[in-house]
Amino acid sequence: MFRVTAAQMSRTAGWCLSLALALGAGEASALFIVNQPWVVPAAKGRSTAVYMDLTSTEGAALVGASSDASASVSIRGPRGASSSARLALPAREMIRLAPNGYRLVLDRTTRPIKRGERVRLTLTIEGADGSRQEIGVDAEARFDSPLDAERRAHQH
């Protein structure tokens, strides 16, 4: 009988992913990564913020977003700054949408957003060549970032 340990499966999966990325590298365009998306819970009709980390392998810009959970979605800068029509995403640099910084705002929510629920968003990304792509994002409604919650869980 043939048995595979979890460590062997993990190494094999990692190797397969590396191989797939290497084989596709010649044909692939920019890679866009969304990490740790979350939205602050809100009552119906209110506005609320959405946060996440964004990284692009090539220069790009976040030029818009939409969600069925709100009438509109806007890109906002740090408190006191005006709304922006686009957010630059320099190549290989993580841009953090976070409290007191850049964020997406769901304006006039169409339903209550309760803690633990999921909110679907669609980000519109514009490449350096002017091409656009839409990226689906599934954000959890919570009162702090997943990273902050993980850090607190490990403090003694």
N, C-alpha and C. Protein backbone atom coordinates (compact mmCIF):
# COMPACT_ATOMS: atom_id res chain seq x y z
N MET A 1 0.84 -1.17 0.00
CA MET A 1 0.00 0.00 0.00
C MET A 1 0.89 1.24 0.00
N PHE A 2 0.53 2.24 -0.75
CA PHE A 2 1.28 3.48 -0.90
C PHE A 2 0.67 4.55 0.00
N ARG A 3 1.47 5.14 0.87
CA ARG A 3 0.99 6.20 1.77
C ARG A 3 1.79 7.47 1.52
N VAL A 4 1.09 8.58 1.57
CA VAL A 4 1.72 9.88 1.37
C VAL A 4 1.49 10.72 2.62
N THR A 5 2.55 11.28 3.15
CA THR A 5 2.43 12.13 4.34
C THR A 5 1.96 13.53 3.92
N ALA A 6 1.48 14.27 4.89
CA ALA A 6 1.05 15.65 4.63
C ALA A 6 2.22 16.49 4.13
N ALA A 7 3.40 16.28 4.67
CA ALA A 7 4.58 17.05 4.24
C ALA A 7 4.91 16.74 2.78
N GLN A 8 4.80 15.46 2.39
CA GLN A 8 5.07 15.09 1.00
C GLN A 8 4.03 15.72 0.08
N MET A 9 2.77 15.71 0.49
CA MET A 9 1.72 16.33 -0.33
C MET A 9 1.96 17.82 -0.47
N SER A 10 2.37 18.48 0.61
CA SER A 10 2.64 19.90 0.57
C SER A 10 3.78 20.23 -0.39
N ARG A 11 4.88 19.45 -0.30
CA ARG A 11 6.02 19.66 -1.21
C ARG A 11 5.61 19.42 -2.66
N THR A 12 4.82 18.38 -2.89
CA THR A 12 4.38 18.06 -4.25
C THR A 12 3.49 19.17 -4.80
N ALA A 13 2.57 19.65 -3.97
CA ALA A 13 1.69 20.73 -4.41
C ALA A 13 2.49 21.99 -4.73
N GLY A 14 3.46 22.31 -3.87
CA GLY A 14 4.32 23.47 -4.12
C GLY A 14 5.11 23.33 -5.40
N TRP A 15 5.64 22.13 -5.65
CA TRP A 15 6.41 21.89 -6.86
C TRP A 15 5.52 22.03 -8.09
N CYS A 16 4.31 21.49 -8.03
CA CYS A 16 3.37 21.58 -9.16
C CYS A 16 3.01 23.03 -9.45
N LEU A 17 2.77 23.82 -8.38
CA LEU A 17 2.45 25.23 -8.57
C LEU A 17 3.63 25.97 -9.19
N SER A 18 4.84 25.70 -8.72
CA SER A 18 6.04 26.34 -9.29
C SER A 18 6.20 25.98 -10.76
N LEU A 19 5.99 24.72 -11.09
CA LEU A 19 6.10 24.27 -12.47
C LEU A 19 5.06 24.95 -13.34
N ALA A 20 3.82 25.02 -12.86
CA ALA A 20 2.76 25.67 -13.63
C ALA A 20 3.08 27.14 -13.87
N LEU A 21 3.59 27.82 -12.84
CA LEU A 21 3.95 29.23 -13.01
C LEU A 21 5.10 29.39 -13.99
N ALA A 22 6.09 28.50 -13.92
CA ALA A 22 7.24 28.59 -14.82
C ALA A 22 6.81 28.32 -16.27
N LEU A 23 5.97 27.32 -16.47
CA LEU A 23 5.52 27.00 -17.83
C LEU A 23 4.66 28.09 -18.41
N GLY A 24 3.86 28.74 -17.57
CA GLY A 24 2.97 29.77 -18.05
C GLY A 24 3.62 31.14 -18.11
N ALA A 25 4.83 31.28 -17.60
CA ALA A 25 5.46 32.60 -17.52
C ALA A 25 5.64 33.26 -18.87
N GLY A 26 5.93 32.48 -19.89
CA GLY A 26 6.14 33.05 -21.21
C GLY A 26 4.86 33.59 -21.81
N GLU A 27 3.71 33.03 -21.42
CA GLU A 27 2.44 33.43 -21.99
C GLU A 27 1.66 34.37 -21.09
N ALA A 28 2.01 34.42 -19.83
CA ALA A 28 1.20 35.14 -18.85
C ALA A 28 1.37 36.65 -18.96
N SER A 29 0.31 37.34 -18.61
CA SER A 29 0.39 38.79 -18.51
C SER A 29 0.58 39.12 -17.03
N ALA A 30 0.31 40.33 -16.67
CA ALA A 30 0.51 40.76 -15.28
C ALA A 30 -0.32 39.90 -14.33
N LEU A 31 0.24 39.66 -13.17
CA LEU A 31 -0.44 38.95 -12.11
C LEU A 31 -0.90 39.98 -11.10
N PHE A 32 -2.16 39.88 -10.69
CA PHE A 32 -2.73 40.83 -9.75
C PHE A 32 -3.17 40.06 -8.51
N ILE A 33 -2.70 40.49 -7.33
CA ILE A 33 -2.96 39.76 -6.09
C ILE A 33 -3.76 40.64 -5.14
N VAL A 34 -4.85 40.08 -4.63
CA VAL A 34 -5.67 40.72 -3.60
C VAL A 34 -5.52 39.86 -2.36
N ASN A 35 -5.13 40.48 -1.24
CA ASN A 35 -4.90 39.73 -0.02
C ASN A 35 -5.65 40.37 1.15
N GLN A 36 -6.25 39.55 1.99
CA GLN A 36 -6.92 39.95 3.22
C GLN A 36 -7.99 41.02 3.05
N PRO A 37 -8.94 40.82 2.12
CA PRO A 37 -10.01 41.81 1.98
C PRO A 37 -11.01 41.73 3.13
N TRP A 38 -11.42 42.90 3.65
CA TRP A 38 -12.45 42.93 4.69
C TRP A 38 -13.24 44.23 4.61
N VAL A 39 -14.46 44.16 5.10
CA VAL A 39 -15.37 45.31 5.07
C VAL A 39 -15.91 45.51 6.48
N VAL A 40 -16.09 46.77 6.86
CA VAL A 40 -16.62 47.09 8.18
C VAL A 40 -18.14 46.91 8.15
N PRO A 41 -18.71 46.18 9.11
CA PRO A 41 -20.17 46.02 9.16
C PRO A 41 -20.87 47.38 9.17
N ALA A 42 -22.10 47.42 8.60
CA ALA A 42 -22.85 48.68 8.52
C ALA A 42 -24.34 48.40 8.39
N ALA A 43 -25.14 49.35 8.81
CA ALA A 43 -26.59 49.28 8.65
C ALA A 43 -26.96 49.61 7.21
N LYS A 44 -28.12 49.14 6.78
CA LYS A 44 -28.62 49.45 5.44
C LYS A 44 -28.72 50.96 5.26
N GLY A 45 -28.27 51.45 4.10
CA GLY A 45 -28.34 52.87 3.78
C GLY A 45 -27.13 53.67 4.23
N ARG A 46 -26.27 53.08 5.03
CA ARG A 46 -25.07 53.76 5.52
C ARG A 46 -23.91 53.51 4.56
N SER A 47 -22.84 54.23 4.75
CA SER A 47 -21.61 54.00 3.99
C SER A 47 -20.64 53.25 4.88
N THR A 48 -19.76 52.48 4.26
CA THR A 48 -18.77 51.73 5.04
C THR A 48 -17.51 51.55 4.21
N ALA A 49 -16.42 51.21 4.89
CA ALA A 49 -15.12 51.09 4.23
C ALA A 49 -14.75 49.64 3.95
N VAL A 50 -13.97 49.46 2.88
CA VAL A 50 -13.43 48.16 2.50
C VAL A 50 -11.92 48.30 2.44
N TYR A 51 -11.23 47.32 3.02
CA TYR A 51 -9.78 47.34 3.09
C TYR A 51 -9.20 46.05 2.52
N MET A 52 -7.97 46.11 2.03
CA MET A 52 -7.27 44.94 1.49
C MET A 52 -5.87 45.34 1.10
N ASP A 53 -5.05 44.35 0.75
CA ASP A 53 -3.71 44.59 0.21
C ASP A 53 -3.74 44.26 -1.26
N LEU A 54 -3.17 45.14 -2.09
CA LEU A 54 -3.16 44.96 -3.55
C LEU A 54 -1.72 44.96 -4.06
N THR A 55 -1.40 44.01 -4.93
CA THR A 55 -0.07 43.94 -5.53
C THR A 55 -0.23 43.57 -7.00
N SER A 56 0.53 44.21 -7.86
CA SER A 56 0.55 43.90 -9.28
C SER A 56 1.99 43.63 -9.71
N THR A 57 2.20 42.58 -10.51
CA THR A 57 3.56 42.29 -10.97
C THR A 57 4.05 43.33 -11.96
N GLU A 58 3.13 44.01 -12.61
CA GLU A 58 3.47 45.10 -13.53
C GLU A 58 2.71 46.33 -13.06
N GLY A 59 3.17 47.49 -13.47
CA GLY A 59 2.47 48.71 -13.08
C GLY A 59 1.02 48.68 -13.55
N ALA A 60 0.12 49.12 -12.69
CA ALA A 60 -1.30 49.15 -13.01
C ALA A 60 -1.96 50.22 -12.15
N ALA A 61 -3.28 50.33 -12.26
CA ALA A 61 -4.03 51.27 -11.43
C ALA A 61 -5.40 50.68 -11.13
N LEU A 62 -5.85 50.91 -9.92
CA LEU A 62 -7.22 50.58 -9.55
C LEU A 62 -8.05 51.77 -10.02
N VAL A 63 -8.95 51.56 -10.97
CA VAL A 63 -9.70 52.67 -11.55
C VAL A 63 -11.18 52.65 -11.19
N GLY A 64 -11.62 51.60 -10.51
CA GLY A 64 -13.02 51.56 -10.12
C GLY A 64 -13.35 50.29 -9.38
N ALA A 65 -14.54 50.26 -8.81
CA ALA A 65 -15.02 49.07 -8.11
C ALA A 65 -16.54 49.14 -8.08
N SER A 66 -17.15 47.98 -7.90
CA SER A 66 -18.60 47.91 -7.77
C SER A 66 -18.96 46.79 -6.83
N SER A 67 -20.18 46.84 -6.30
CA SER A 67 -20.68 45.80 -5.42
C SER A 67 -22.20 45.87 -5.43
N ASP A 68 -22.83 44.69 -5.37
CA ASP A 68 -24.29 44.69 -5.29
C ASP A 68 -24.76 45.06 -3.88
N ALA A 69 -23.83 45.25 -2.94
CA ALA A 69 -24.17 45.62 -1.57
C ALA A 69 -24.28 47.13 -1.38
N SER A 70 -24.03 47.91 -2.46
CA SER A 70 -24.10 49.37 -2.32
C SER A 70 -24.51 50.03 -3.62
N ALA A 71 -24.99 51.26 -3.50
CA ALA A 71 -25.39 52.02 -4.67
C ALA A 71 -24.18 52.37 -5.54
N SER A 72 -23.05 52.65 -4.88
CA SER A 72 -21.82 52.95 -5.61
C SER A 72 -20.62 52.66 -4.72
N VAL A 73 -19.46 52.56 -5.35
CA VAL A 73 -18.21 52.33 -4.63
C VAL A 73 -17.22 53.40 -5.09
N SER A 74 -16.56 54.05 -4.14
CA SER A 74 -15.59 55.08 -4.50
C SER A 74 -14.23 54.77 -3.90
N ILE A 75 -13.20 55.31 -4.53
CA ILE A 75 -11.83 55.19 -4.04
C ILE A 75 -11.56 56.46 -3.24
N ARG A 76 -11.17 56.30 -1.99
CA ARG A 76 -10.92 57.46 -1.14
C ARG A 76 -9.51 57.43 -0.61
N GLY A 77 -8.95 58.61 -0.45
CA GLY A 77 -7.62 58.74 0.12
C GLY A 77 -7.69 58.90 1.63
N PRO A 78 -6.55 59.19 2.25
CA PRO A 78 -6.53 59.40 3.70
C PRO A 78 -7.52 60.49 4.10
N ARG A 79 -7.98 60.44 5.34
CA ARG A 79 -8.96 61.42 5.83
C ARG A 79 -8.50 62.83 5.49
N GLY A 80 -9.43 63.62 4.98
CA GLY A 80 -9.11 64.99 4.62
C GLY A 80 -8.71 65.15 3.16
N ALA A 81 -8.28 64.06 2.52
CA ALA A 81 -7.92 64.12 1.10
C ALA A 81 -9.19 63.93 0.27
N SER A 82 -9.17 64.43 -0.94
CA SER A 82 -10.34 64.29 -1.80
C SER A 82 -10.42 62.88 -2.38
N SER A 83 -11.61 62.53 -2.88
CA SER A 83 -11.78 61.23 -3.53
C SER A 83 -10.89 61.17 -4.76
N SER A 84 -10.52 59.98 -5.12
CA SER A 84 -9.64 59.80 -6.27
C SER A 84 -10.34 58.93 -7.30
N ALA A 85 -10.08 59.20 -8.56
CA ALA A 85 -10.66 58.38 -9.62
C ALA A 85 -9.83 57.13 -9.86
N ARG A 86 -8.59 57.13 -9.36
CA ARG A 86 -7.70 55.99 -9.58
C ARG A 86 -6.64 55.94 -8.49
N LEU A 87 -6.14 54.73 -8.27
CA LEU A 87 -5.08 54.51 -7.30
C LEU A 87 -3.96 53.78 -8.00
N ALA A 88 -2.79 54.40 -8.09
CA ALA A 88 -1.64 53.79 -8.75
C ALA A 88 -1.17 52.56 -7.99
N LEU A 89 -0.82 51.52 -8.73
CA LEU A 89 -0.30 50.27 -8.17
C LEU A 89 1.05 50.01 -8.84
N PRO A 90 2.13 50.58 -8.29
CA PRO A 90 3.45 50.39 -8.87
C PRO A 90 3.82 48.90 -8.93
N ALA A 91 4.62 48.54 -9.91
CA ALA A 91 5.03 47.14 -10.10
C ALA A 91 5.68 46.57 -8.85
N ARG A 92 5.23 45.39 -8.45
CA ARG A 92 5.80 44.60 -7.35
C ARG A 92 5.81 45.34 -6.01
N GLU A 93 4.92 46.30 -5.82
CA GLU A 93 4.84 47.03 -4.56
C GLU A 93 3.44 46.83 -3.97
N MET A 94 3.37 46.33 -2.74
CA MET A 94 2.08 46.14 -2.11
C MET A 94 1.51 47.49 -1.69
N ILE A 95 0.26 47.71 -2.07
CA ILE A 95 -0.46 48.91 -1.67
C ILE A 95 -1.53 48.46 -0.68
N ARG A 96 -1.46 48.99 0.52
CA ARG A 96 -2.40 48.59 1.57
C ARG A 96 -3.55 49.60 1.66
N LEU A 97 -4.76 49.10 1.46
CA LEU A 97 -5.95 49.89 1.74
C LEU A 97 -6.26 49.63 3.21
N ALA A 98 -6.20 50.67 4.04
CA ALA A 98 -6.28 50.47 5.49
C ALA A 98 -6.92 51.68 6.16
N PRO A 99 -7.43 51.49 7.38
CA PRO A 99 -7.98 52.64 8.11
C PRO A 99 -6.98 53.79 8.14
N ASN A 100 -7.48 55.00 8.00
CA ASN A 100 -6.69 56.24 7.97
C ASN A 100 -5.81 56.36 6.73
N GLY A 101 -6.01 55.50 5.74
CA GLY A 101 -5.26 55.56 4.50
C GLY A 101 -6.20 55.43 3.32
N TYR A 102 -5.69 54.94 2.22
CA TYR A 102 -6.55 54.69 1.06
C TYR A 102 -7.51 53.57 1.39
N ARG A 103 -8.71 53.66 0.83
CA ARG A 103 -9.74 52.65 1.07
C ARG A 103 -10.79 52.74 -0.03
N LEU A 104 -11.61 51.72 -0.11
CA LEU A 104 -12.80 51.76 -0.94
C LEU A 104 -13.96 52.06 -0.01
N VAL A 105 -14.93 52.83 -0.48
CA VAL A 105 -16.10 53.14 0.33
C VAL A 105 -17.34 52.67 -0.40
N LEU A 106 -18.10 51.80 0.28
CA LEU A 106 -19.41 51.39 -0.21
C LEU A 106 -20.37 52.49 0.21
N ASP A 107 -20.88 53.24 -0.75
CA ASP A 107 -21.79 54.34 -0.47
C ASP A 107 -23.23 53.85 -0.49
N ARG A 108 -24.00 54.20 0.54
CA ARG A 108 -25.42 53.86 0.63
C ARG A 108 -25.64 52.36 0.43
N THR A 109 -25.28 51.58 1.43
CA THR A 109 -25.43 50.13 1.34
C THR A 109 -26.88 49.76 1.05
N THR A 110 -27.07 48.74 0.24
CA THR A 110 -28.41 48.31 -0.17
C THR A 110 -29.00 47.28 0.77
N ARG A 111 -28.21 46.84 1.74
CA ARG A 111 -28.66 45.87 2.74
C ARG A 111 -27.77 46.02 3.97
N PRO A 112 -28.22 45.52 5.11
CA PRO A 112 -27.33 45.53 6.27
C PRO A 112 -26.14 44.61 6.00
N ILE A 113 -24.98 45.00 6.46
CA ILE A 113 -23.78 44.16 6.35
C ILE A 113 -23.41 43.78 7.78
N LYS A 114 -23.67 42.52 8.10
CA LYS A 114 -23.47 42.03 9.46
C LYS A 114 -22.13 41.32 9.58
N ARG A 115 -21.56 41.40 10.78
CA ARG A 115 -20.29 40.74 11.08
C ARG A 115 -20.35 39.27 10.66
N GLY A 116 -19.31 38.82 9.96
CA GLY A 116 -19.21 37.43 9.52
C GLY A 116 -19.77 37.18 8.14
N GLU A 117 -20.57 38.10 7.61
CA GLU A 117 -21.11 37.94 6.26
C GLU A 117 -20.02 38.20 5.22
N ARG A 118 -20.28 37.78 4.00
CA ARG A 118 -19.36 38.00 2.89
C ARG A 118 -19.97 39.04 1.96
N VAL A 119 -19.13 39.91 1.44
CA VAL A 119 -19.55 40.95 0.50
C VAL A 119 -18.74 40.80 -0.77
N ARG A 120 -19.42 40.64 -1.90
CA ARG A 120 -18.74 40.53 -3.20
C ARG A 120 -18.49 41.92 -3.77
N LEU A 121 -17.27 42.10 -4.28
CA LEU A 121 -16.90 43.33 -4.98
C LEU A 121 -16.25 42.94 -6.30
N THR A 122 -16.27 43.86 -7.22
CA THR A 122 -15.54 43.70 -8.47
C THR A 122 -14.63 44.90 -8.62
N LEU A 123 -13.31 44.65 -8.67
CA LEU A 123 -12.33 45.71 -8.86
C LEU A 123 -12.04 45.84 -10.34
N THR A 124 -11.92 47.06 -10.83
CA THR A 124 -11.53 47.31 -12.22
C THR A 124 -10.09 47.80 -12.21
N ILE A 125 -9.21 47.02 -12.85
CA ILE A 125 -7.78 47.31 -12.89
C ILE A 125 -7.40 47.71 -14.31
N GLU A 126 -6.64 48.79 -14.43
CA GLU A 126 -6.16 49.23 -15.74
C GLU A 126 -4.66 49.01 -15.82
N GLY A 127 -4.23 48.25 -16.83
CA GLY A 127 -2.81 48.00 -17.03
C GLY A 127 -2.12 49.20 -17.64
N ALA A 128 -0.80 49.16 -17.66
CA ALA A 128 -0.01 50.26 -18.24
C ALA A 128 -0.34 50.47 -19.71
N ASP A 129 -0.77 49.39 -20.39
CA ASP A 129 -1.11 49.49 -21.80
C ASP A 129 -2.55 49.97 -22.04
N GLY A 130 -3.28 50.30 -20.97
CA GLY A 130 -4.65 50.78 -21.09
C GLY A 130 -5.70 49.70 -21.05
N SER A 131 -5.28 48.43 -21.08
CA SER A 131 -6.26 47.34 -21.03
C SER A 131 -6.86 47.27 -19.63
N ARG A 132 -8.10 46.82 -19.57
CA ARG A 132 -8.78 46.71 -18.28
C ARG A 132 -9.19 45.29 -18.01
N GLN A 133 -9.16 44.94 -16.74
CA GLN A 133 -9.67 43.63 -16.32
C GLN A 133 -10.45 43.80 -15.04
N GLU A 134 -11.40 42.90 -14.83
CA GLU A 134 -12.19 42.93 -13.61
C GLU A 134 -11.79 41.76 -12.73
N ILE A 135 -11.61 42.06 -11.45
CA ILE A 135 -11.17 41.06 -10.47
C ILE A 135 -12.26 40.92 -9.42
N GLY A 136 -12.77 39.72 -9.23
CA GLY A 136 -13.76 39.47 -8.19
C GLY A 136 -13.10 39.34 -6.83
N VAL A 137 -13.70 39.93 -5.81
CA VAL A 137 -13.18 39.89 -4.45
C VAL A 137 -14.32 39.53 -3.51
N ASP A 138 -14.03 38.68 -2.54
CA ASP A 138 -15.00 38.25 -1.54
C ASP A 138 -14.48 38.73 -0.18
N ALA A 139 -15.07 39.81 0.37
CA ALA A 139 -14.58 40.41 1.61
C ALA A 139 -15.47 40.00 2.78
N GLU A 140 -14.83 39.67 3.90
CA GLU A 140 -15.56 39.32 5.12
C GLU A 140 -15.88 40.58 5.92
N ALA A 141 -17.10 40.67 6.44
CA ALA A 141 -17.48 41.78 7.31
C ALA A 141 -16.91 41.52 8.70
N ARG A 142 -16.09 42.45 9.17
CA ARG A 142 -15.42 42.30 10.47
C ARG A 142 -15.01 43.68 10.98
N PHE A 143 -14.62 43.75 12.24
CA PHE A 143 -14.27 45.04 12.83
C PHE A 143 -12.77 45.32 12.83
N ASP A 144 -11.95 44.36 12.41
CA ASP A 144 -10.51 44.59 12.30
C ASP A 144 -9.96 43.68 11.21
N SER A 145 -8.74 43.95 10.81
CA SER A 145 -8.15 43.17 9.71
C SER A 145 -7.86 41.74 10.16
N PRO A 146 -7.85 40.80 9.22
CA PRO A 146 -7.48 39.42 9.57
C PRO A 146 -6.09 39.35 10.21
N LEU A 147 -5.16 40.17 9.72
CA LEU A 147 -3.80 40.18 10.27
C LEU A 147 -3.78 40.68 11.71
N ASP A 148 -4.53 41.75 12.00
CA ASP A 148 -4.59 42.25 13.38
C ASP A 148 -5.19 41.21 14.31
N ALA A 149 -6.24 40.53 13.86
CA ALA A 149 -6.87 39.50 14.69
C ALA A 149 -5.90 38.35 14.96
N GLU A 150 -5.13 37.97 13.95
CA GLU A 150 -4.15 36.89 14.11
C GLU A 150 -3.05 37.31 15.09
N ARG A 151 -2.57 38.53 14.97
CA ARG A 151 -1.54 39.02 15.89
C ARG A 151 -2.03 39.01 17.33
N ARG A 152 -3.26 39.48 17.54
CA ARG A 152 -3.83 39.51 18.90
C ARG A 152 -3.96 38.10 19.47
N ALA A 153 -4.31 37.15 18.63
CA ALA A 153 -4.50 35.77 19.08
C ALA A 153 -3.19 35.15 19.57
N HIS A 154 -2.06 35.64 19.08
CA HIS A 154 -0.77 35.06 19.44
C HIS A 154 0.00 35.87 20.48
N GLN A 155 -0.59 36.94 20.98
CA GLN A 155 0.07 37.71 22.04
C GLN A 155 -0.14 37.02 23.37
N HIS A 156 0.85 37.09 24.20
CA HIS A 156 0.77 36.45 25.52
C HIS A 156 0.72 37.46 26.61
